[in-house]
């Protein structure tokens, strides 16, 4: 919006804020335009925070109400806008374009290779932890010779070592793990 097309502004107070929110929510059948669900009693008036945009008319739009949305979406939008600034991504792209591109990326991105799937190191499955009861069950049936091989149980950290695996197999026991 250019300076020549500026609209008049009305400063809201708490009472008029509530009335406007209720009227706008009614106009949209109390459906959140983002979630596409009934907002119940969770509707809020979303407004433009001037420090969160690359709009050239930043001062003109600061504080202007955009619409009625679900309160959780409003909180989510605020976190996104803040993250855009905090990460410095705002210097590279504006939020609406970023979100459109991200949605396309999520929806249409293909895995890098069709022949093999590469798993990121941070997604490596964690080794299961042997339950104390399973360890104790094994301990009860061990011979004296094998009891000397048994490592001490490390509370909530005990993995199935090679020695433990061999002992469970030798005594035909199925190790149990914490879920």
Protein backbone atom coordinates (compact mmCIF):
# COMPACT_ATOMS: atom_id res chain seq x y z
CA UNK A 1 0.00 0.00 0.00
CA UNK A 2 1.45 3.31 -1.00
CA UNK A 3 1.17 6.49 1.04
CA UNK A 4 -1.47 7.89 -1.36
CA UNK A 5 -3.82 4.92 -0.74
CA UNK A 6 -3.57 4.88 3.03
CA UNK A 7 -6.74 4.01 4.92
CA UNK A 8 -7.85 5.72 8.11
CA UNK A 9 -6.88 3.96 11.34
CA UNK A 10 -9.02 3.32 14.41
CA UNK A 11 -7.28 2.71 17.75
CA UNK A 12 -9.05 -0.13 19.53
CA UNK A 13 -9.66 -0.38 23.26
CA UNK A 14 -10.34 -3.65 25.12
CA UNK A 15 -14.13 -3.47 24.61
CA UNK A 16 -13.95 -2.67 20.88
CA UNK A 17 -11.24 -5.33 20.44
CA UNK A 18 -13.59 -7.96 21.83
CA UNK A 19 -16.50 -6.76 19.69
CA UNK A 20 -14.37 -6.74 16.52
CA UNK A 21 -13.02 -10.24 17.26
CA UNK A 22 -16.52 -11.59 17.86
CA UNK A 23 -17.92 -9.93 14.70
CA UNK A 24 -15.10 -11.12 12.47
CA UNK A 25 -15.24 -14.63 13.95
CA UNK A 26 -18.99 -14.71 13.26
CA UNK A 27 -18.39 -13.56 9.65
CA UNK A 28 -16.08 -16.55 9.13
CA UNK A 29 -18.45 -18.97 10.93
CA UNK A 30 -15.88 -19.16 13.75
CA UNK A 31 -13.61 -21.18 11.42
CA UNK A 32 -9.87 -20.51 11.66
CA UNK A 33 -8.66 -19.59 8.15
CA UNK A 34 -5.42 -21.45 8.76
CA UNK A 35 -6.47 -24.60 10.63
CA UNK A 36 -9.85 -24.79 8.88
CA UNK A 37 -11.50 -25.87 12.16
CA UNK A 38 -14.00 -24.31 14.55
CA UNK A 39 -12.07 -22.13 16.98
CA UNK A 40 -14.51 -22.59 19.87
CA UNK A 41 -13.50 -20.06 22.54
CA UNK A 42 -9.92 -19.98 21.25
CA UNK A 43 -10.20 -17.14 18.74
CA UNK A 44 -7.86 -14.15 18.91
CA UNK A 45 -7.34 -11.03 16.84
CA UNK A 46 -3.99 -11.40 15.14
CA UNK A 47 -2.09 -8.21 14.46
CA UNK A 48 0.95 -7.09 12.51
CA UNK A 49 4.14 -6.57 14.51
CA UNK A 50 6.11 -3.97 12.61
CA UNK A 51 9.50 -5.39 13.59
CA UNK A 52 8.77 -8.73 11.92
CA UNK A 53 8.40 -7.82 8.27
CA UNK A 54 10.37 -6.63 5.31
CA UNK A 55 7.42 -4.47 4.22
CA UNK A 56 8.54 -1.02 3.11
CA UNK A 57 5.50 0.56 4.80
CA UNK A 58 6.48 -1.01 8.13
CA UNK A 59 5.46 1.97 10.27
CA UNK A 60 2.12 2.31 8.53
CA UNK A 61 1.04 -1.30 9.23
CA UNK A 62 2.49 -1.67 12.73
CA UNK A 63 -0.27 -2.76 15.12
CA UNK A 64 -2.88 -3.26 12.40
CA UNK A 65 -5.24 -6.18 12.96
CA UNK A 66 -5.02 -8.85 10.24
CA UNK A 67 -7.82 -11.20 11.19
CA UNK A 68 -9.27 -13.71 13.62
CA UNK A 69 -7.34 -16.96 14.02
CA UNK A 70 -7.03 -19.79 16.55
CA UNK A 71 -4.93 -18.80 19.57
CA UNK A 72 -2.48 -21.67 19.05
CA UNK A 73 -1.90 -20.64 15.45
CA UNK A 74 -1.33 -17.08 16.65
CA UNK A 75 1.35 -18.32 19.07
CA UNK A 76 2.89 -20.48 16.33
CA UNK A 77 2.97 -17.55 13.91
CA UNK A 78 4.70 -15.41 16.53
CA UNK A 79 7.37 -18.05 17.06
CA UNK A 80 7.91 -18.37 13.30
CA UNK A 81 8.25 -14.61 12.91
CA UNK A 82 10.69 -14.43 15.82
CA UNK A 83 12.72 -17.36 14.47
CA UNK A 84 12.95 -15.65 11.08
CA UNK A 85 14.63 -12.69 12.76
CA UNK A 86 16.72 -14.68 15.26
CA UNK A 87 18.21 -16.99 12.62
CA UNK A 88 18.92 -14.18 10.16
CA UNK A 89 16.79 -15.83 7.48
CA UNK A 90 14.78 -12.57 7.23
CA UNK A 91 17.82 -11.09 5.46
CA UNK A 92 17.49 -13.76 2.75
CA UNK A 93 13.73 -14.12 2.18
CA UNK A 94 10.39 -12.84 3.48
CA UNK A 95 8.18 -15.08 5.61
CA UNK A 96 5.31 -15.66 3.15
CA UNK A 97 7.72 -16.72 0.38
CA UNK A 98 9.68 -18.89 2.79
CA UNK A 99 6.51 -20.68 3.95
CA UNK A 100 5.29 -21.26 0.38
CA UNK A 101 8.68 -22.64 -0.62
CA UNK A 102 8.90 -24.78 2.51
CA UNK A 103 5.43 -26.23 1.88
CA UNK A 104 6.46 -27.10 -1.69
CA UNK A 105 9.70 -28.63 -0.42
CA UNK A 106 7.83 -30.80 2.09
CA UNK A 107 5.22 -31.83 -0.43
CA UNK A 108 7.28 -32.35 -3.58
CA UNK A 109 10.83 -33.07 -2.46
CA UNK A 110 12.11 -36.43 -3.58
CA UNK A 111 14.61 -38.50 -1.71
CA UNK A 112 18.07 -37.86 -3.06
CA UNK A 113 18.43 -41.32 -4.55
CA UNK A 114 15.80 -43.77 -5.70
CA UNK A 115 18.19 -46.73 -5.25
CA UNK A 116 19.23 -46.28 -1.65
CA UNK A 117 17.98 -44.42 1.40
CA UNK A 118 20.51 -42.53 3.47
CA UNK A 119 19.78 -42.18 7.18
CA UNK A 120 21.12 -39.10 8.95
CA UNK A 121 23.50 -39.87 11.86
CA UNK A 122 21.19 -38.10 14.32
CA UNK A 123 18.49 -40.65 13.46
CA UNK A 124 20.61 -43.69 14.28
CA UNK A 125 18.49 -46.16 16.28
CA UNK A 126 19.46 -46.28 19.93
CA UNK A 127 20.69 -49.55 21.28
CA UNK A 128 18.06 -51.14 23.51
CA UNK A 129 18.65 -51.21 27.28
CA UNK A 130 18.50 -54.59 28.98
CA UNK A 131 15.96 -54.77 31.80
CA UNK A 132 17.21 -55.44 35.31
CA UNK A 133 14.72 -58.32 35.66
CA UNK A 134 16.07 -59.98 32.50
CA UNK A 135 19.64 -59.59 33.78
CA UNK A 136 18.63 -61.07 37.18
CA UNK A 137 16.86 -63.99 35.49
CA UNK A 138 20.06 -64.78 33.63
CA UNK A 139 22.12 -64.37 36.78
CA UNK A 140 20.00 -66.99 38.64
CA UNK A 141 20.67 -69.75 36.11
CA UNK A 142 24.38 -69.19 35.48
CA UNK A 143 26.99 -71.70 36.48
CA UNK A 144 29.75 -70.48 38.81
CA UNK A 145 32.15 -70.39 35.88
CA UNK A 146 29.77 -68.28 33.78
CA UNK A 147 28.84 -66.09 36.75
CA UNK A 148 32.45 -64.89 36.79
CA UNK A 149 32.04 -63.71 33.16
CA UNK A 150 28.87 -61.77 33.93
CA UNK A 151 29.48 -57.99 33.86
CA UNK A 152 27.95 -55.86 36.60
CA UNK A 153 24.59 -54.44 35.64
CA UNK A 154 24.67 -50.73 34.83
CA UNK A 155 21.32 -49.35 35.96
CA UNK A 156 19.24 -48.05 33.03
CA UNK A 157 22.35 -48.10 30.80
CA UNK A 158 23.04 -51.81 30.32
CA UNK A 159 23.28 -52.70 26.66
CA UNK A 160 23.38 -56.24 25.36
CA UNK A 161 27.14 -56.79 25.15
CA UNK A 162 28.68 -59.68 23.25
CA UNK A 163 29.31 -61.53 26.55
CA UNK A 164 25.72 -61.07 27.67
CA UNK A 165 24.40 -62.12 24.27
CA UNK A 166 26.45 -65.32 24.40
CA UNK A 167 25.24 -66.09 27.94
CA UNK A 168 21.58 -65.53 27.05
CA UNK A 169 21.99 -67.83 24.04
CA UNK A 170 23.88 -70.49 26.02
CA UNK A 171 21.13 -70.65 28.66
CA UNK A 172 18.36 -70.37 26.07
CA UNK A 173 16.90 -67.18 27.54
CA UNK A 174 15.37 -64.30 25.62
CA UNK A 175 16.74 -60.95 26.78
CA UNK A 176 14.10 -58.31 27.60
CA UNK A 177 14.57 -54.61 26.95
CA UNK A 178 13.07 -51.37 28.24
CA UNK A 179 10.70 -49.77 25.76
